[in-house]
Structure formats: C-alpha cells, structure tokens
Amino acid sequence: MTNLNKVFFPKLELTKGDLLRYYLRVAPALLPHIAGKAMVMKRYPNGATGDFFFMKRAPSPRPEWIRTCGIEHGSGNVINFPVIDDRAALMWVINLGCIDLNPWYAPCDDYNRPDYLHIDLDPFGAPFEAVREAALIVRDVFTDLGMTPYVKTTGSKGMHVYVAIKRGPSQHGVWATAKALSHAIAKAHEDLLIVEYRVAKRPKGRVLLDYNQNSFGRTLASIYSVRPNEEAMVSTPLEWKEVERGCESSDFTMRNVPDRIDRVGDLWAPLEGKRGRFDLEGLAKKLHVDV
C-alpha cells in the first residue's frame, strides 16, 4: 500500500488510507457481487477532485496472484481485465487509485450472458424526489411482471433498479428487453419519465430510464462503491420502504455505510443466489424481442 496519507476527499479530510480501510471493512459484503467479473478501472491518482483516466488492461508488472479475464472486443483485440476475487486483489485495485468499482454484468466464464437486467434512473435536472418516484414506478411494473426488483442509490444523483435473471439471454438481448420495457413505462408516465437520449430534445425535470447501460461493454458503479464526489457518497442498497419514506443519496457515505452493513446486513445478498432468478426469455417473447 502506498501514499496512505494522501488526501482523496479534501472536504472531509479523508485519505487514501481511509478509502482502503473502508473497502477492507465492507469486503465481506462487496466481494460476492464482483468476484469472477472483469473490472474496468477508473483511476484517480490525485483523489476525487483530481483528474481521472480509464484503464481496462491489467497493468504490468503486477502480482502473480492477480487473475485476469480476457475479453475480445469488436476490433478483434483481446483485453485482459483484472478480476477481484478476494481482499488482496481488492486492496491492489484500490491502491492504484480506483475510488469506485465498475464490474461487467456477466462472469468471465461467459461474459456475454449477463446475470442482471437493470435500469439506471438518471435525473436530467430533476430532484431526487422525482428519482425516488421513478424507482417506485419501475418497481411496481417489474413486480407485476413477476420480477423481484432490487434498488440502490448510485452514490450520486440517481438510482439503480436491478433484477437477477436466469443465465441464457445475450447482453444484446437483455439490452433489447430493457429498451422495450423502458419505452413502455415512459409512455405510461410521460409527465415524469423519458427515454430520449438527444439532450437537446429532453424536457428538463424528467428522469431518464437509461436502458443503454445494459449494452455490451458498459458498466455501472457496483454496490458499495464509494463515488468520487466531495461527500464520499456510496452506492448503497436500500429497502423499498426507505425509498417510500424519502431517503436521500447523501444519507449514505463512506463514513456510515460499514456500520449500516453491520446493522442491516447485505440487502442485495439474495441477488447473487441461484434461486428466484427471473426467466427473461419468456418476457422477451411477449415483447417480441429476440434474445
């Protein structure tokens, strides 16, 4: 571990060492959600307020115990991403200056067959109150379809709603299904939700149902990721009743999330289980989507 006293969050006077200690403490809850998956590194060598850069290939030299996941991209090149399977690998990645963690949605053994369908609720000038309302709408639609939706803050201005799915559909098929669902939901709630990606044509104050985050190669900040903002907010799993009561993203930070996990456990633990996964193929057929 290097530069432990380097300030990474100036407003809170939190250091790189504090960040490493946070991840070490939450590792038992975090690792089951990211183990076995390729990790896209977003490195902040000078902390949350400094410049950052993306790094996909695992740097060399590196410890021999860092496992990699080779993924072929459209160009034909194979990129060897690092994989975080244990606490040592987690500490190694964070020590490189990664503040948040951005894993692929599918394990390395079949990286084009994701484990989740998700909707990224992205406010476009909308208050967090509107994001909460959007999350509850998506929850109700998914529940009516027989899904079991899970929700978390993004650690920034939005929220993520995830559904565990049975292995089978390709990443493109999951994206197409998420697109069809998002368009249908937005059409029924045009006063609040949009699926318009052209910024010039987006009415302000609406919440974007960002289904494109399901595309091949895209990633979202993982559960329990600290985000690079002044408040060191954390992407935190929630109970739906907390959304109904009016929680705020700023309620969950690097300073209090470890104690929260000790108190309530990992609310997303069932998401990684093999039981209860939704059969997306049946729904895709009803939506006339080829998975």
Protein backbone atom coordinates (compact mmCIF):
# COMPACT_ATOMS: atom_id res chain seq x y z
CA MET A 1 0.00 0.00 0.00
CA THR A 2 1.37 3.43 -0.96
CA ASN A 3 0.67 7.10 -0.20
CA LEU A 4 -1.75 6.28 2.62
CA ASN A 5 -1.81 9.87 3.91
CA LYS A 6 -2.63 11.41 0.52
CA VAL A 7 -5.91 13.34 0.81
CA PHE A 8 -8.53 11.87 -1.54
CA PHE A 9 -11.59 13.76 -0.25
CA PRO A 10 -10.45 17.27 0.76
CA LYS A 11 -13.79 18.49 2.11
CA LEU A 12 -13.97 15.61 4.59
CA GLU A 13 -10.18 15.31 5.04
CA LEU A 14 -10.36 11.62 4.14
CA THR A 15 -7.21 9.98 2.83
CA LYS A 16 -6.34 7.14 0.52
CA GLY A 17 -5.70 5.11 3.64
CA ASP A 18 -9.25 5.82 4.80
CA LEU A 19 -10.54 4.61 1.42
CA LEU A 20 -8.54 1.39 1.67
CA ARG A 21 -9.80 0.79 5.21
CA TYR A 22 -13.40 1.35 4.07
CA TYR A 23 -13.12 -1.26 1.32
CA LEU A 24 -11.38 -3.71 3.62
CA ARG A 25 -14.23 -3.41 6.10
CA VAL A 26 -17.04 -3.84 3.54
CA ALA A 27 -15.22 -6.59 1.61
CA PRO A 28 -17.30 -9.50 3.01
CA ALA A 29 -20.49 -7.90 1.63
CA LEU A 30 -18.91 -6.49 -1.54
CA LEU A 31 -16.85 -9.40 -2.88
CA PRO A 32 -19.74 -11.78 -3.70
CA HIS A 33 -21.12 -9.12 -6.08
CA ILE A 34 -17.91 -8.53 -8.05
CA ALA A 35 -15.91 -11.77 -7.81
CA GLY A 36 -15.35 -13.55 -11.10
CA LYS A 37 -16.16 -10.49 -13.21
CA ALA A 38 -13.92 -8.31 -15.35
CA MET A 39 -13.23 -4.94 -13.73
CA VAL A 40 -12.90 -1.65 -15.60
CA MET A 41 -10.53 0.56 -13.63
CA LYS A 42 -11.27 4.26 -13.25
CA ARG A 43 -8.18 5.70 -11.61
CA TYR A 44 -7.97 8.92 -9.60
CA PRO A 45 -4.27 9.31 -8.76
CA ASN A 46 -4.92 12.66 -7.05
CA GLY A 47 -8.18 11.84 -5.35
CA ALA A 48 -11.85 12.57 -6.00
CA THR A 49 -11.32 16.19 -7.07
CA GLY A 50 -8.43 15.44 -9.43
CA ASP A 51 -8.26 14.21 -12.99
CA PHE A 52 -9.06 10.57 -13.72
CA PHE A 53 -8.48 8.10 -16.51
CA PHE A 54 -9.97 4.75 -17.53
CA MET A 55 -7.79 1.68 -17.71
CA LYS A 56 -9.06 -1.67 -18.97
CA ARG A 57 -5.95 -3.80 -19.27
CA ALA A 58 -4.45 -5.05 -16.03
CA PRO A 59 -1.16 -3.13 -15.70
CA SER A 60 2.20 -4.87 -15.81
CA PRO A 61 4.15 -5.64 -13.79
CA ARG A 62 1.53 -6.89 -11.36
CA PRO A 63 1.38 -9.54 -8.64
CA GLU A 64 1.23 -13.08 -9.99
CA TRP A 65 -1.89 -13.70 -7.91
CA ILE A 66 -3.97 -11.11 -9.79
CA ARG A 67 -6.29 -13.07 -12.06
CA THR A 68 -7.27 -11.60 -15.42
CA CYS A 69 -10.23 -12.06 -17.73
CA GLY A 70 -9.60 -11.95 -21.47
CA ILE A 71 -12.45 -10.36 -23.44
CA GLU A 72 -12.43 -9.91 -27.20
CA HIS A 73 -13.75 -6.59 -28.45
CA GLY A 74 -15.12 -5.68 -31.86
CA SER A 75 -11.66 -4.84 -33.16
CA GLY A 76 -10.55 -8.41 -32.56
CA ASN A 77 -8.19 -7.40 -29.78
CA VAL A 78 -8.32 -9.30 -26.52
CA ILE A 79 -8.20 -7.13 -23.40
CA ASN A 80 -7.09 -8.76 -20.17
CA PHE A 81 -9.14 -7.10 -17.43
CA PRO A 82 -8.25 -7.59 -13.76
CA VAL A 83 -10.61 -9.70 -11.65
CA ILE A 84 -11.25 -9.02 -7.97
CA ASP A 85 -11.80 -12.35 -6.27
CA ASP A 86 -10.52 -11.63 -2.78
CA ARG A 87 -9.43 -8.92 -0.35
CA ALA A 88 -5.85 -8.85 -1.60
CA ALA A 89 -6.95 -8.16 -5.19
CA LEU A 90 -9.43 -5.57 -3.90
CA MET A 91 -6.70 -3.73 -1.99
CA TRP A 92 -4.40 -3.87 -5.02
CA VAL A 93 -7.00 -2.22 -7.29
CA ILE A 94 -7.94 0.47 -4.77
CA ASN A 95 -4.25 1.19 -4.16
CA LEU A 96 -3.97 2.01 -7.88
CA GLY A 97 -6.25 4.99 -7.19
CA CYS A 98 -9.62 3.43 -8.08
CA ILE A 99 -12.31 5.10 -5.97
CA ASP A 100 -15.34 3.30 -7.39
CA LEU A 101 -15.55 -0.18 -8.87
CA ASN A 102 -17.04 -0.89 -12.30
CA PRO A 103 -17.52 -4.61 -12.97
CA TRP A 104 -19.00 -6.30 -16.02
CA TYR A 105 -22.52 -7.71 -15.63
CA ALA A 106 -21.57 -11.29 -16.51
CA PRO A 107 -18.91 -13.61 -15.09
CA CYS A 108 -15.75 -14.22 -17.09
CA ASP A 109 -16.72 -17.78 -17.92
CA ASP A 110 -19.46 -16.41 -20.22
CA TYR A 111 -19.08 -12.65 -20.41
CA ASN A 112 -21.86 -12.18 -22.97
CA ARG A 113 -24.53 -13.81 -20.75
CA PRO A 114 -25.33 -11.28 -18.00
CA ASP A 115 -26.72 -12.07 -14.59
CA TYR A 116 -28.86 -8.91 -14.42
CA LEU A 117 -31.23 -6.61 -16.22
CA HIS A 118 -31.17 -3.12 -14.79
CA ILE A 119 -32.49 0.39 -15.29
CA ASP A 120 -30.30 3.39 -14.50
CA LEU A 121 -32.54 6.24 -13.31
CA ASP A 122 -30.71 9.36 -14.45
CA PRO A 123 -32.15 12.73 -13.42
CA PHE A 124 -31.94 15.47 -16.01
CA GLY A 125 -32.36 18.44 -13.75
CA ALA A 126 -34.97 16.51 -11.76
CA PRO A 127 -34.83 16.47 -7.93
CA PHE A 128 -34.09 13.27 -6.07
CA GLU A 129 -37.75 13.16 -5.08
CA ALA A 130 -38.57 12.52 -8.74
CA VAL A 131 -35.91 9.80 -8.92
CA ARG A 132 -37.49 8.04 -5.95
CA GLU A 133 -40.90 8.25 -7.61
CA ALA A 134 -39.44 6.82 -10.82
CA ALA A 135 -37.87 3.94 -8.89
CA LEU A 136 -41.22 3.06 -7.32
CA ILE A 137 -42.91 3.09 -10.73
CA VAL A 138 -40.27 0.74 -12.15
CA ARG A 139 -40.59 -1.46 -9.05
CA ASP A 140 -44.34 -1.80 -9.49
CA VAL A 141 -44.08 -2.65 -13.20
CA PHE A 142 -41.34 -5.22 -12.60
CA THR A 143 -43.24 -6.76 -9.69
CA ASP A 144 -46.40 -7.04 -11.78
CA LEU A 145 -44.35 -8.94 -14.38
CA GLY A 146 -43.21 -11.43 -11.76
CA MET A 147 -39.74 -9.99 -11.21
CA THR A 148 -38.10 -9.27 -7.86
CA PRO A 149 -36.52 -5.82 -8.20
CA TYR A 150 -33.66 -4.54 -6.03
CA VAL A 151 -32.80 -0.87 -5.62
CA LYS A 152 -29.72 1.11 -4.67
CA THR A 153 -28.51 4.67 -4.77
CA THR A 154 -25.90 5.44 -7.38
CA GLY A 155 -23.88 7.36 -4.83
CA SER A 156 -24.58 10.45 -6.91
CA LYS A 157 -27.87 11.89 -8.20
CA GLY A 158 -29.68 8.80 -9.44
CA MET A 159 -30.77 5.28 -8.52
CA HIS A 160 -30.33 1.80 -9.99
CA VAL A 161 -33.01 -0.90 -10.14
CA TYR A 162 -31.69 -4.43 -10.76
CA VAL A 163 -33.34 -7.78 -11.47
CA ALA A 164 -31.50 -11.10 -11.26
CA ILE A 165 -32.13 -13.16 -14.41
CA LYS A 166 -31.51 -16.75 -15.38
CA ARG A 167 -28.37 -17.26 -17.45
CA GLY A 168 -29.25 -17.51 -21.11
CA PRO A 169 -30.05 -14.26 -22.94
CA SER A 170 -27.16 -12.45 -24.58
CA GLN A 171 -26.14 -8.98 -23.47
CA HIS A 172 -27.81 -7.59 -26.60
CA GLY A 173 -31.00 -9.48 -25.77
CA VAL A 174 -31.03 -8.09 -22.25
CA TRP A 175 -30.47 -4.60 -23.65
CA ALA A 176 -33.32 -5.02 -26.15
CA THR A 177 -35.67 -6.22 -23.42
CA ALA A 178 -34.70 -3.34 -21.13
CA LYS A 179 -35.30 -0.94 -24.03
CA ALA A 180 -38.79 -2.31 -24.71
CA LEU A 181 -39.71 -2.16 -21.04
CA SER A 182 -38.34 1.37 -20.63
CA HIS A 183 -40.26 2.69 -23.63
CA ALA A 184 -43.49 1.16 -22.35
CA ILE A 185 -43.01 2.53 -18.83
CA ALA A 186 -42.07 6.00 -20.06
CA LYS A 187 -45.08 6.13 -22.39
CA ALA A 188 -47.37 5.46 -19.43
CA HIS A 189 -45.71 8.18 -17.32
CA GLU A 190 -44.80 10.91 -19.80
CA ASP A 191 -45.07 13.63 -17.17
CA LEU A 192 -42.13 12.16 -15.22
CA LEU A 193 -40.13 9.69 -17.34
CA ILE A 194 -38.29 9.91 -20.66
CA VAL A 195 -36.26 7.62 -22.92
CA GLU A 196 -34.95 10.43 -25.13
CA TYR A 197 -31.14 10.38 -25.41
CA ARG A 198 -30.81 13.52 -27.52
CA VAL A 199 -30.10 16.15 -24.88
CA ALA A 200 -31.50 18.99 -26.98
CA LYS A 201 -34.87 17.23 -27.14
CA ARG A 202 -35.10 16.22 -23.48
CA PRO A 203 -37.56 18.20 -21.39
CA LYS A 204 -35.86 19.22 -18.16
CA GLY A 205 -37.08 17.92 -14.87
CA ARG A 206 -37.76 14.40 -16.18
CA VAL A 207 -35.98 11.20 -15.21
CA LEU A 208 -34.24 9.25 -17.96
CA LEU A 209 -34.76 5.48 -17.99
CA ASP A 210 -31.26 4.72 -19.18
CA TYR A 211 -31.56 1.23 -20.62
CA ASN A 212 -28.41 1.69 -22.72
CA GLN A 213 -26.31 0.87 -19.68
CA ASN A 214 -27.25 -2.75 -20.47
CA SER A 215 -25.17 -2.60 -23.66
CA PHE A 216 -22.17 -4.89 -24.17
CA GLY A 217 -19.08 -3.44 -22.51
CA ARG A 218 -20.94 -0.85 -20.43
CA THR A 219 -20.56 -0.85 -16.66
CA LEU A 220 -22.16 0.81 -13.65
CA ALA A 221 -20.63 1.56 -10.27
CA SER A 222 -21.01 -1.56 -8.19
CA ILE A 223 -22.85 -1.99 -4.96
CA TYR A 224 -20.92 -0.41 -2.03
CA SER A 225 -18.73 1.67 -4.38
CA VAL A 226 -17.54 4.96 -2.98
CA ARG A 227 -18.17 7.67 -5.56
CA PRO A 228 -15.74 10.44 -6.48
CA ASN A 229 -17.69 13.35 -5.03
CA GLU A 230 -16.95 15.72 -2.15
CA GLU A 231 -19.26 13.90 0.26
CA ALA A 232 -17.75 10.44 -0.43
CA MET A 233 -21.24 9.06 -1.02
CA VAL A 234 -21.63 5.32 -1.51
CA SER A 235 -23.79 3.35 -3.94
CA THR A 236 -25.94 1.73 -1.27
CA PRO A 237 -28.61 -0.99 -1.42
CA LEU A 238 -31.95 0.07 0.04
CA GLU A 239 -35.12 -1.45 1.33
CA TRP A 240 -38.09 -0.28 -0.73
CA LYS A 241 -39.68 1.18 2.39
CA GLU A 242 -36.67 3.52 2.67
CA VAL A 243 -37.41 4.80 -0.83
CA GLU A 244 -41.07 5.28 0.11
CA ARG A 245 -40.09 7.22 3.24
CA GLY A 246 -37.94 9.68 1.30
CA CYS A 247 -34.29 8.70 1.72
CA GLU A 248 -31.58 10.86 0.17
CA SER A 249 -28.47 9.72 -1.66
CA SER A 250 -26.41 11.84 0.74
CA ASP A 251 -27.64 9.72 3.66
CA PHE A 252 -25.12 7.02 2.74
CA THR A 253 -21.40 7.79 2.85
CA MET A 254 -18.04 6.17 3.33
CA ARG A 255 -18.26 7.06 7.00
CA ASN A 256 -21.55 5.35 7.85
CA VAL A 257 -22.14 2.55 5.33
CA PRO A 258 -19.88 -0.01 7.09
CA ASP A 259 -21.92 0.41 10.29
CA ARG A 260 -25.10 0.15 8.23
CA ILE A 261 -23.96 -3.19 6.82
CA ASP A 262 -23.21 -4.41 10.35
CA ARG A 263 -26.74 -3.38 11.34
CA VAL A 264 -28.91 -4.50 8.38
CA GLY A 265 -26.62 -6.92 6.54
CA ASP A 266 -26.23 -7.06 2.79
CA LEU A 267 -29.70 -6.26 1.45
CA TRP A 268 -28.65 -7.43 -2.01
CA ALA A 269 -27.33 -10.83 -0.90
CA PRO A 270 -30.33 -12.66 -2.48
CA LEU A 271 -29.46 -11.08 -5.85
CA GLU A 272 -26.40 -13.34 -6.13
CA GLY A 273 -28.27 -16.55 -5.34
CA LYS A 274 -29.28 -19.11 -7.94
CA ARG A 275 -32.87 -19.36 -6.76
CA GLY A 276 -35.52 -16.83 -7.69
CA ARG A 277 -33.89 -15.64 -10.90
CA PHE A 278 -36.33 -14.35 -13.48
CA ASP A 279 -36.75 -16.14 -16.81
CA LEU A 280 -36.26 -13.23 -19.17
CA GLU A 281 -36.75 -15.28 -22.32
CA GLY A 282 -40.49 -15.71 -21.71
CA LEU A 283 -40.96 -11.96 -21.22
CA ALA A 284 -38.84 -11.18 -24.27
CA LYS A 285 -41.12 -13.31 -26.46
CA LYS A 286 -44.14 -11.36 -25.25
CA LEU A 287 -42.35 -8.13 -26.09
CA HIS A 288 -41.32 -9.51 -29.50
CA VAL A 289 -37.65 -9.23 -28.59
CA ASP A 290 -35.04 -11.67 -29.85
CA VAL A 291 -32.70 -12.67 -27.01
